[in-house]
C-alpha cells in the first residue's frame, strides 16, 4: 500500500456518522499519518456517479468506503465481488479497493454484532427475539443463525414484513416465527432480544421488562440509553447498544482497508467516549 490513502463513509443522512471518529483514531494508533477518512452525503441516485468520479482529482488512492443506509443494497451492482456474508443478506457496508482496481464488498455488521455479544459474555442461546423487520433485522437473523439453537420470533407491523422475515429465515437456515407488533411485550422474555426498530418505536415496551431479563441488544445509539435499555439495565439485565455494534464493525473495516490486524479497539473506543 502507498503511504497516503483515503477512505470515507457514504450515506444519507450522514452528518451524524461517528465512523470518522473511529477510523481516524485507528489511523493515529497504527501510525498511518498520511491516511484520511471523511464523510460524504450520497443517496442511491448519486452513488453511481460518486463511484465514477473516484480518483479523478489526482489525490491519494482510495483504500475503502463505509456505507450506511440507504446504500447497502444499492452499491452491489457497482462492485466486482461481494463476500458470502454480504450475499447472505444482500447488504454491503464495506468496500475495499484492491491495488489492481477491483472493488470488493463485505458486510461487517454481522460479525461485528457477534463480536459485541461475545464481549458481553453472550454465546449460544436457546432462542431469541427480534424487534423489527428492516435491513438491520436481516443482519440480526444472520448473526443469530450462528449462535441460536432454537427458534427466533420476529415481531413486525405488517404481514408483508412478516413474510420477508420468514423468507430470510429460510435463506439463512434458521427457524423464524413471526408475531404481530401488538404482542411485542412477549419478546422481552427471550434469553436474547435484538431491537432493530427506529428511535421511539419500542419505548412503550419499557414498562413490560421482566424482573429477571436476559440480554438486550438495542442497535440505537442516539438517543442513549433508550427507555427500553434503561429499564432493562435497571432490572439487572445485560444491555448492548448501537455503539457496541458500531465500534466492532468498524474494527473489521479498519483491518480490511489497512491490511493491519488487529485494529486498535481500545483506542477506537476511547475516541468514541471522548467525542
Protein backbone atom coordinates (compact mmCIF):
# COMPACT_ATOMS: atom_id res chain seq x y z
CA UNK A 1 0.00 0.00 0.00
CA UNK A 2 1.11 3.55 -0.70
CA UNK A 3 1.92 5.80 2.26
CA UNK A 4 -1.04 8.09 1.67
CA UNK A 5 -4.51 6.61 1.28
CA UNK A 6 -8.04 7.81 1.80
CA UNK A 7 -11.33 6.35 2.89
CA UNK A 8 -14.78 7.68 3.71
CA UNK A 9 -18.28 6.89 4.86
CA UNK A 10 -21.19 7.45 2.49
CA UNK A 11 -24.89 7.70 3.22
CA UNK A 12 -27.90 9.96 3.54
CA UNK A 13 -28.22 11.50 6.06
CA UNK A 14 -24.56 11.30 7.03
CA UNK A 15 -23.75 14.32 9.23
CA UNK A 16 -24.39 12.28 12.40
CA UNK A 17 -22.00 9.47 11.48
CA UNK A 18 -19.36 8.61 14.08
CA UNK A 19 -17.34 6.49 11.66
CA UNK A 20 -14.75 9.27 11.09
CA UNK A 21 -14.06 9.36 14.85
CA UNK A 22 -13.38 5.62 14.91
CA UNK A 23 -11.34 5.30 11.72
CA UNK A 24 -9.19 8.38 12.34
CA UNK A 25 -8.41 7.13 15.86
CA UNK A 26 -7.33 3.81 14.38
CA UNK A 27 -5.08 5.50 11.80
CA UNK A 28 -3.40 7.55 14.54
CA UNK A 29 -2.78 4.47 16.68
CA UNK A 30 -1.47 2.50 13.70
CA UNK A 31 0.88 5.31 12.68
CA UNK A 32 -0.85 5.89 9.33
CA UNK A 33 -0.24 9.64 9.35
CA UNK A 34 -0.92 10.01 5.63
CA UNK A 35 -4.37 8.40 5.76
CA UNK A 36 -7.60 10.40 5.77
CA UNK A 37 -11.21 9.45 6.41
CA UNK A 38 -14.11 11.73 5.51
CA UNK A 39 -17.89 11.63 5.17
CA UNK A 40 -19.96 12.32 2.06
CA UNK A 41 -23.69 12.85 1.70
CA UNK A 42 -24.62 10.41 -1.06
CA UNK A 43 -28.02 8.90 -1.82
CA UNK A 44 -28.96 5.99 -4.08
CA UNK A 45 -29.28 8.13 -7.21
CA UNK A 46 -25.90 9.78 -6.67
CA UNK A 47 -23.94 6.64 -5.83
CA UNK A 48 -23.05 5.52 -9.40
CA UNK A 49 -21.68 8.99 -10.21
CA UNK A 50 -19.67 9.04 -6.98
CA UNK A 51 -18.02 5.78 -7.99
CA UNK A 52 -17.31 7.08 -11.49
CA UNK A 53 -15.51 10.11 -10.07
CA UNK A 54 -13.32 8.17 -7.63
CA UNK A 55 -9.68 9.06 -8.21
CA UNK A 56 -10.35 11.72 -10.84
CA UNK A 57 -8.98 14.53 -8.67
CA UNK A 58 -5.47 13.10 -8.66
CA UNK A 59 -5.38 12.74 -4.86
CA UNK A 60 -4.22 9.74 -2.83
CA UNK A 61 -5.55 6.35 -3.84
CA UNK A 62 -8.75 5.12 -2.26
CA UNK A 63 -8.44 2.32 0.30
CA UNK A 64 -12.10 1.77 1.03
CA UNK A 65 -15.59 3.01 1.82
CA UNK A 66 -18.03 2.50 4.67
CA UNK A 67 -21.69 2.52 3.64
CA UNK A 68 -24.76 3.35 5.69
CA UNK A 69 -28.40 3.48 4.68
CA UNK A 70 -29.73 3.74 2.06
CA UNK A 71 -26.71 2.44 0.13
CA UNK A 72 -26.09 -1.07 1.47
CA UNK A 73 -28.02 -2.76 -1.33
CA UNK A 74 -27.69 -0.03 -3.97
CA UNK A 75 -23.91 -0.48 -4.08
CA UNK A 76 -23.94 -4.16 -5.01
CA UNK A 77 -24.26 -3.70 -8.82
CA UNK A 78 -21.24 -1.37 -8.72
CA UNK A 79 -18.89 -3.97 -7.24
CA UNK A 80 -16.72 -6.68 -8.79
CA UNK A 81 -17.29 -9.19 -5.99
CA UNK A 82 -19.07 -9.50 -2.66
CA UNK A 83 -18.38 -11.85 0.22
CA UNK A 84 -20.60 -14.75 1.18
CA UNK A 85 -21.54 -12.88 4.35
CA UNK A 86 -22.73 -9.85 2.37
CA UNK A 87 -24.52 -12.05 -0.15
CA UNK A 88 -26.39 -13.86 2.61
CA UNK A 89 -28.33 -10.69 3.48
CA UNK A 90 -27.87 -8.79 0.20
CA UNK A 91 -26.25 -5.90 2.08
CA UNK A 92 -22.76 -4.39 1.83
CA UNK A 93 -21.44 -1.92 4.38
CA UNK A 94 -17.76 -2.16 3.45
CA UNK A 95 -15.98 -1.67 0.13
CA UNK A 96 -12.27 -2.33 -0.25
CA UNK A 97 -10.33 -1.21 -3.33
CA UNK A 98 -7.50 -3.54 -4.29
CA UNK A 99 -4.19 -2.45 -5.77
CA UNK A 100 -5.33 -3.78 -9.16
CA UNK A 101 -8.53 -1.73 -9.08
CA UNK A 102 -11.09 -4.33 -8.04
CA UNK A 103 -14.00 -3.31 -5.81
CA UNK A 104 -14.72 -5.89 -3.11
CA UNK A 105 -17.83 -5.70 -0.92
CA UNK A 106 -18.33 -7.18 2.53
CA UNK A 107 -20.70 -6.94 5.49
CA UNK A 108 -19.01 -6.33 8.84
CA UNK A 109 -22.30 -5.69 10.68
CA UNK A 110 -22.92 -9.42 11.13
CA UNK A 111 -19.51 -10.43 12.57
CA UNK A 112 -19.45 -7.09 14.43
CA UNK A 113 -22.72 -7.98 16.14
CA UNK A 114 -21.35 -11.39 17.10
CA UNK A 115 -18.12 -9.85 18.45
CA UNK A 116 -20.09 -7.39 20.56
CA UNK A 117 -22.22 -10.20 22.01
CA UNK A 118 -19.16 -12.33 22.77
CA UNK A 119 -17.54 -9.40 24.55
CA UNK A 120 -20.54 -9.23 26.91
CA UNK A 121 -20.49 -12.95 27.53
CA UNK A 122 -23.40 -13.83 25.26
CA UNK A 123 -22.55 -17.05 23.45
CA UNK A 124 -25.06 -19.63 22.35
CA UNK A 125 -28.70 -19.03 23.22
CA UNK A 126 -31.62 -21.48 23.15
CA UNK A 127 -33.98 -18.99 21.48
CA UNK A 128 -34.17 -15.30 20.65
CA UNK A 129 -36.49 -12.47 19.61
CA UNK A 130 -36.06 -9.70 17.05
CA UNK A 131 -38.00 -6.44 17.19
CA UNK A 132 -38.47 -5.03 13.69
CA UNK A 133 -38.01 -6.24 10.14
CA UNK A 134 -35.72 -3.86 8.25
CA UNK A 135 -32.22 -4.31 6.86
CA UNK A 136 -30.68 -4.46 10.33
CA UNK A 137 -33.16 -7.17 11.28
CA UNK A 138 -31.93 -9.37 8.44
CA UNK A 139 -28.36 -8.90 9.69
CA UNK A 140 -29.56 -9.81 13.17
CA UNK A 141 -31.06 -13.03 11.79
CA UNK A 142 -27.77 -13.81 10.06
CA UNK A 143 -25.90 -13.35 13.35
CA UNK A 144 -28.46 -15.43 15.22
CA UNK A 145 -28.16 -18.23 12.67
CA UNK A 146 -24.67 -18.78 14.07
CA UNK A 147 -25.47 -18.75 17.81
CA UNK A 148 -29.17 -19.57 18.31
CA UNK A 149 -30.03 -23.25 18.83
CA UNK A 150 -33.79 -22.80 18.59
CA UNK A 151 -36.46 -20.56 17.15
CA UNK A 152 -36.28 -16.83 16.56
CA UNK A 153 -39.51 -14.87 16.88
CA UNK A 154 -39.71 -11.65 14.88
CA UNK A 155 -42.26 -9.02 15.95
CA UNK A 156 -43.38 -6.94 12.98
CA UNK A 157 -46.05 -4.46 11.93
CA UNK A 158 -47.37 -6.00 8.71
CA UNK A 159 -47.87 -9.35 7.04
CA UNK A 160 -45.61 -8.22 4.19
CA UNK A 161 -42.77 -7.67 6.67
CA UNK A 162 -43.59 -10.98 8.34
CA UNK A 163 -43.29 -12.79 5.03
CA UNK A 164 -39.92 -11.12 4.39
CA UNK A 165 -38.57 -12.24 7.76
CA UNK A 166 -39.72 -15.81 7.22
CA UNK A 167 -38.04 -15.78 3.80
CA UNK A 168 -34.81 -14.51 5.35
CA UNK A 169 -35.03 -17.30 7.91
CA UNK A 170 -35.34 -19.91 5.17
CA UNK A 171 -32.45 -18.40 3.28
CA UNK A 172 -30.22 -18.21 6.36
CA UNK A 173 -31.17 -21.64 7.66
CA UNK A 174 -32.79 -20.52 10.90
CA UNK A 175 -36.33 -21.17 12.14
CA UNK A 176 -38.22 -17.87 12.19
CA UNK A 177 -41.69 -17.44 13.64
CA UNK A 178 -43.42 -14.09 13.17
CA UNK A 179 -45.82 -12.34 15.52
CA UNK A 180 -47.71 -9.02 15.38
CA UNK A 181 -46.16 -5.93 16.91
CA UNK A 182 -49.09 -5.69 19.32
CA UNK A 183 -47.63 -8.77 21.04
CA UNK A 184 -44.09 -7.39 21.22
CA UNK A 185 -44.07 -7.35 25.03
CA UNK A 186 -43.85 -11.15 24.83
CA UNK A 187 -40.44 -10.79 23.16
CA UNK A 188 -38.88 -9.48 26.35
CA UNK A 189 -38.91 -12.90 27.97
CA UNK A 190 -36.45 -14.33 25.46
CA UNK A 191 -32.85 -15.03 26.59
CA UNK A 192 -31.66 -12.61 23.87
CA UNK A 193 -33.66 -9.74 22.40
CA UNK A 194 -32.33 -7.72 19.45
CA UNK A 195 -34.18 -4.43 18.92
CA UNK A 196 -33.72 -3.05 15.40
CA UNK A 197 -36.56 -0.51 15.29
CA UNK A 198 -36.22 3.28 14.76
CA UNK A 199 -35.96 5.64 17.74
CA UNK A 200 -39.13 5.77 19.79
CA UNK A 201 -40.77 2.68 18.31
CA UNK A 202 -40.03 0.38 21.25
CA UNK A 203 -40.22 2.97 24.05
CA UNK A 204 -43.62 1.75 25.28
CA UNK A 205 -42.13 -1.70 25.94
CA UNK A 206 -40.03 -0.31 28.80
CA UNK A 207 -42.87 -0.94 31.25
CA UNK A 208 -43.02 -4.62 30.25
CA UNK A 209 -39.41 -5.58 31.03
CA UNK A 210 -39.49 -8.75 33.18
CA UNK A 211 -38.00 -8.95 36.67
CA UNK A 212 -35.07 -11.09 35.55
CA UNK A 213 -34.35 -10.19 31.92
CA UNK A 214 -31.76 -11.85 29.74
CA UNK A 215 -29.66 -9.84 27.27
CA UNK A 216 -30.86 -6.89 25.19
CA UNK A 217 -29.04 -5.67 22.08
CA UNK A 218 -30.64 -2.33 21.13
CA UNK A 219 -28.93 -1.18 17.94
CA UNK A 220 -29.71 2.51 18.52
CA UNK A 221 -27.08 4.87 19.93
CA UNK A 222 -28.74 8.27 19.69
CA UNK A 223 -30.54 8.97 21.94
CA UNK A 224 -28.98 6.65 24.52
CA UNK A 225 -29.98 4.97 26.64
CA UNK A 226 -33.35 4.28 25.11
CA UNK A 227 -36.22 3.89 27.61
CA UNK A 228 -36.18 0.15 26.90
CA UNK A 229 -32.43 -0.12 27.51
CA UNK A 230 -32.66 1.95 30.71
CA UNK A 231 -35.47 -0.18 32.11
CA UNK A 232 -33.62 -3.35 31.13
CA UNK A 233 -30.44 -2.25 32.87
CA UNK A 234 -32.38 -1.16 35.96
CA UNK A 235 -33.71 -4.71 36.32
CA UNK A 236 -30.23 -6.19 36.13
CA UNK A 237 -30.24 -7.37 32.52
CA UNK A 238 -27.23 -7.24 30.20
CA UNK A 239 -27.52 -4.36 27.71
CA UNK A 240 -25.62 -3.74 24.49
CA UNK A 241 -26.16 -0.66 22.36
CA UNK A 242 -25.55 0.69 18.92
CA UNK A 243 -22.11 1.97 19.87
CA UNK A 244 -21.05 -1.60 20.68
CA UNK A 245 -22.05 -2.63 17.18
CA UNK A 246 -20.55 0.48 15.61
CA UNK A 247 -17.10 0.02 17.10
CA UNK A 248 -16.86 -3.71 16.43
CA UNK A 249 -17.95 -3.45 12.80
CA UNK A 250 -15.52 -0.54 12.37
CA UNK A 251 -12.66 -2.63 13.77
CA UNK A 252 -13.23 -5.13 10.99
CA UNK A 253 -13.44 -2.37 8.38
CA UNK A 254 -10.13 -0.88 9.51
CA UNK A 255 -8.44 -4.28 9.30
CA UNK A 256 -9.72 -4.84 5.76
CA UNK A 257 -8.94 -1.36 4.47
CA UNK A 258 -5.48 -1.01 6.03
CA UNK A 259 -4.33 -4.63 5.99
CA UNK A 260 -3.32 -4.21 9.63
CA UNK A 261 -4.66 -6.60 12.26
CA UNK A 262 -5.65 -6.46 14.97
CA UNK A 263 -7.16 -3.00 14.75
CA UNK A 264 -6.75 -0.87 17.90
CA UNK A 265 -10.12 -1.50 19.55
CA UNK A 266 -9.21 0.23 22.82
CA UNK A 267 -8.04 3.42 21.10
CA UNK A 268 -11.13 3.50 18.92
CA UNK A 269 -13.41 3.05 21.92
CA UNK A 270 -11.57 5.79 23.83
CA UNK A 271 -12.02 8.19 20.91
CA UNK A 272 -15.70 7.39 20.81
CA UNK A 273 -16.08 8.11 24.52
CA UNK A 274 -14.20 11.40 24.21
CA UNK A 275 -16.07 12.71 21.16
